[in-house]
């Protein structure tokens, strides 16, 4: 696994890998690192009438589980609230919305899960 100067540089590197992966699937970047007072969304992309909000995780080893296991209920709720803010600001109410996650393992292999967010994860 590649060594990084700090966590910010490491995060940027894997967000760019995830972005390249999704662009090859036909998605176009709408915004990267969207911040609201609820939290941050790593990637926001569009394909036709679909907007996806993507959380990117990387694990250099499996000691604390894989990257998907690092996405807590609290993180999902913040992601949902941030996405609602983004939708309202950008008037995207007529788009289909989906929440995805991309994780990279210690070998840099990319795993993509679509529809990571359901109502029971965030208390609905």
Protein backbone atom coordinates (compact mmCIF):
# COMPACT_ATOMS: atom_id res chain seq x y z
CA UNK A 1 0.00 0.00 0.00
CA UNK A 2 1.19 3.46 -0.87
CA UNK A 3 2.48 5.66 1.99
CA UNK A 4 1.03 9.15 2.51
CA UNK A 5 2.21 12.34 4.20
CA UNK A 6 -1.02 12.70 6.16
CA UNK A 7 -4.68 11.60 6.32
CA UNK A 8 -5.89 14.51 4.18
CA UNK A 9 -3.56 13.59 1.32
CA UNK A 10 -4.52 9.93 1.72
CA UNK A 11 -8.24 10.80 1.64
CA UNK A 12 -7.81 12.92 -1.48
CA UNK A 13 -5.92 10.12 -3.22
CA UNK A 14 -8.65 7.54 -2.61
CA UNK A 15 -11.45 9.99 -3.41
CA UNK A 16 -9.77 10.58 -6.79
CA UNK A 17 -9.50 6.82 -7.37
CA UNK A 18 -13.20 6.43 -6.54
CA UNK A 19 -14.07 9.33 -8.82
CA UNK A 20 -12.13 7.79 -11.71
CA UNK A 21 -13.86 4.45 -11.08
CA UNK A 22 -17.33 6.04 -11.19
CA UNK A 23 -16.53 8.21 -14.21
CA UNK A 24 -15.68 5.00 -16.08
CA UNK A 25 -19.19 3.82 -15.17
CA UNK A 26 -20.65 6.90 -16.89
CA UNK A 27 -21.11 9.22 -13.90
CA UNK A 28 -20.16 12.90 -14.01
CA UNK A 29 -18.80 14.80 -11.03
CA UNK A 30 -21.20 17.37 -9.60
CA UNK A 31 -19.22 18.28 -6.48
CA UNK A 32 -16.36 16.96 -4.41
CA UNK A 33 -16.11 17.38 -0.62
CA UNK A 34 -19.43 19.15 -0.07
CA UNK A 35 -19.54 20.59 3.44
CA UNK A 36 -22.67 21.48 5.39
CA UNK A 37 -23.08 22.10 9.09
CA UNK A 38 -24.18 18.43 9.33
CA UNK A 39 -20.98 17.03 7.83
CA UNK A 40 -19.18 16.28 4.59
CA UNK A 41 -20.05 14.25 1.52
CA UNK A 42 -16.97 12.98 -0.31
CA UNK A 43 -18.38 12.78 -3.85
CA UNK A 44 -21.61 13.83 -5.53
CA UNK A 45 -22.12 12.53 -9.05
CA UNK A 46 -24.80 12.47 -11.71
CA UNK A 47 -25.83 10.03 -14.41
CA UNK A 48 -28.96 10.90 -16.37
CA UNK A 49 -31.70 11.62 -13.78
CA UNK A 50 -29.78 10.03 -10.89
CA UNK A 51 -27.70 11.85 -8.28
CA UNK A 52 -25.48 9.71 -6.07
CA UNK A 53 -23.90 10.76 -2.80
CA UNK A 54 -20.77 8.71 -2.14
CA UNK A 55 -18.79 7.99 1.01
CA UNK A 56 -15.21 6.83 0.31
CA UNK A 57 -13.28 4.72 2.83
CA UNK A 58 -9.87 3.07 2.83
CA UNK A 59 -8.27 0.62 5.21
CA UNK A 60 -4.54 -0.08 5.17
CA UNK A 61 -5.23 -3.31 7.10
CA UNK A 62 -8.21 -5.30 8.32
CA UNK A 63 -7.35 -4.94 12.02
CA UNK A 64 -10.35 -2.68 12.62
CA UNK A 65 -12.55 -4.15 9.88
CA UNK A 66 -13.06 -3.16 6.29
CA UNK A 67 -13.86 0.33 5.08
CA UNK A 68 -17.59 -0.31 4.94
CA UNK A 69 -17.62 -1.23 8.62
CA UNK A 70 -16.22 2.22 9.38
CA UNK A 71 -19.43 3.88 8.13
CA UNK A 72 -21.43 4.37 11.31
CA UNK A 73 -25.14 5.06 11.78
CA UNK A 74 -24.12 8.58 12.86
CA UNK A 75 -22.15 9.07 9.61
CA UNK A 76 -25.10 7.84 7.54
CA UNK A 77 -27.48 10.24 9.28
CA UNK A 78 -25.10 13.18 8.71
CA UNK A 79 -24.68 12.13 5.08
CA UNK A 80 -28.47 12.08 4.64
CA UNK A 81 -28.93 15.51 6.25
CA UNK A 82 -26.06 17.00 4.21
CA UNK A 83 -27.55 15.54 1.03
CA UNK A 84 -30.93 17.09 1.82
CA UNK A 85 -29.22 20.46 2.20
CA UNK A 86 -27.35 19.99 -1.10
CA UNK A 87 -30.60 19.02 -2.88
CA UNK A 88 -32.40 22.10 -1.52
CA UNK A 89 -29.57 24.52 -2.35
CA UNK A 90 -29.22 23.19 -5.90
CA UNK A 91 -32.94 22.62 -6.56
CA UNK A 92 -32.51 18.94 -7.38
CA UNK A 93 -35.86 17.72 -6.01
CA UNK A 94 -36.83 16.20 -9.37
CA UNK A 95 -33.83 13.85 -9.46
CA UNK A 96 -33.66 10.29 -8.21
CA UNK A 97 -31.29 10.10 -5.25
CA UNK A 98 -29.05 7.26 -4.09
CA UNK A 99 -26.43 6.84 -1.38
CA UNK A 100 -23.41 4.66 -2.20
CA UNK A 101 -20.11 3.73 -0.62
CA UNK A 102 -16.76 2.85 -2.12
CA UNK A 103 -14.10 1.14 -0.04
CA UNK A 104 -10.52 0.25 -0.83
CA UNK A 105 -8.76 -2.65 0.86
CA UNK A 106 -5.11 -2.87 1.88
CA UNK A 107 -4.19 -3.90 -1.68
CA UNK A 108 -5.99 -0.94 -3.24
CA UNK A 109 -8.84 -3.06 -4.60
CA UNK A 110 -12.05 -1.07 -5.07
CA UNK A 111 -15.41 -2.28 -3.74
CA UNK A 112 -18.65 -0.45 -4.55
CA UNK A 113 -21.93 -0.81 -2.69
CA UNK A 114 -25.00 0.90 -4.11
CA UNK A 115 -27.92 1.95 -1.88
CA UNK A 116 -26.12 1.89 1.47
CA UNK A 117 -28.75 4.06 3.12
CA UNK A 118 -32.20 2.93 4.19
CA UNK A 119 -34.55 4.60 6.66
CA UNK A 120 -33.82 2.25 9.56
CA UNK A 121 -30.12 3.18 9.51
CA UNK A 122 -30.86 6.79 10.31
CA UNK A 123 -33.84 6.40 12.60
CA UNK A 124 -36.83 6.74 10.27
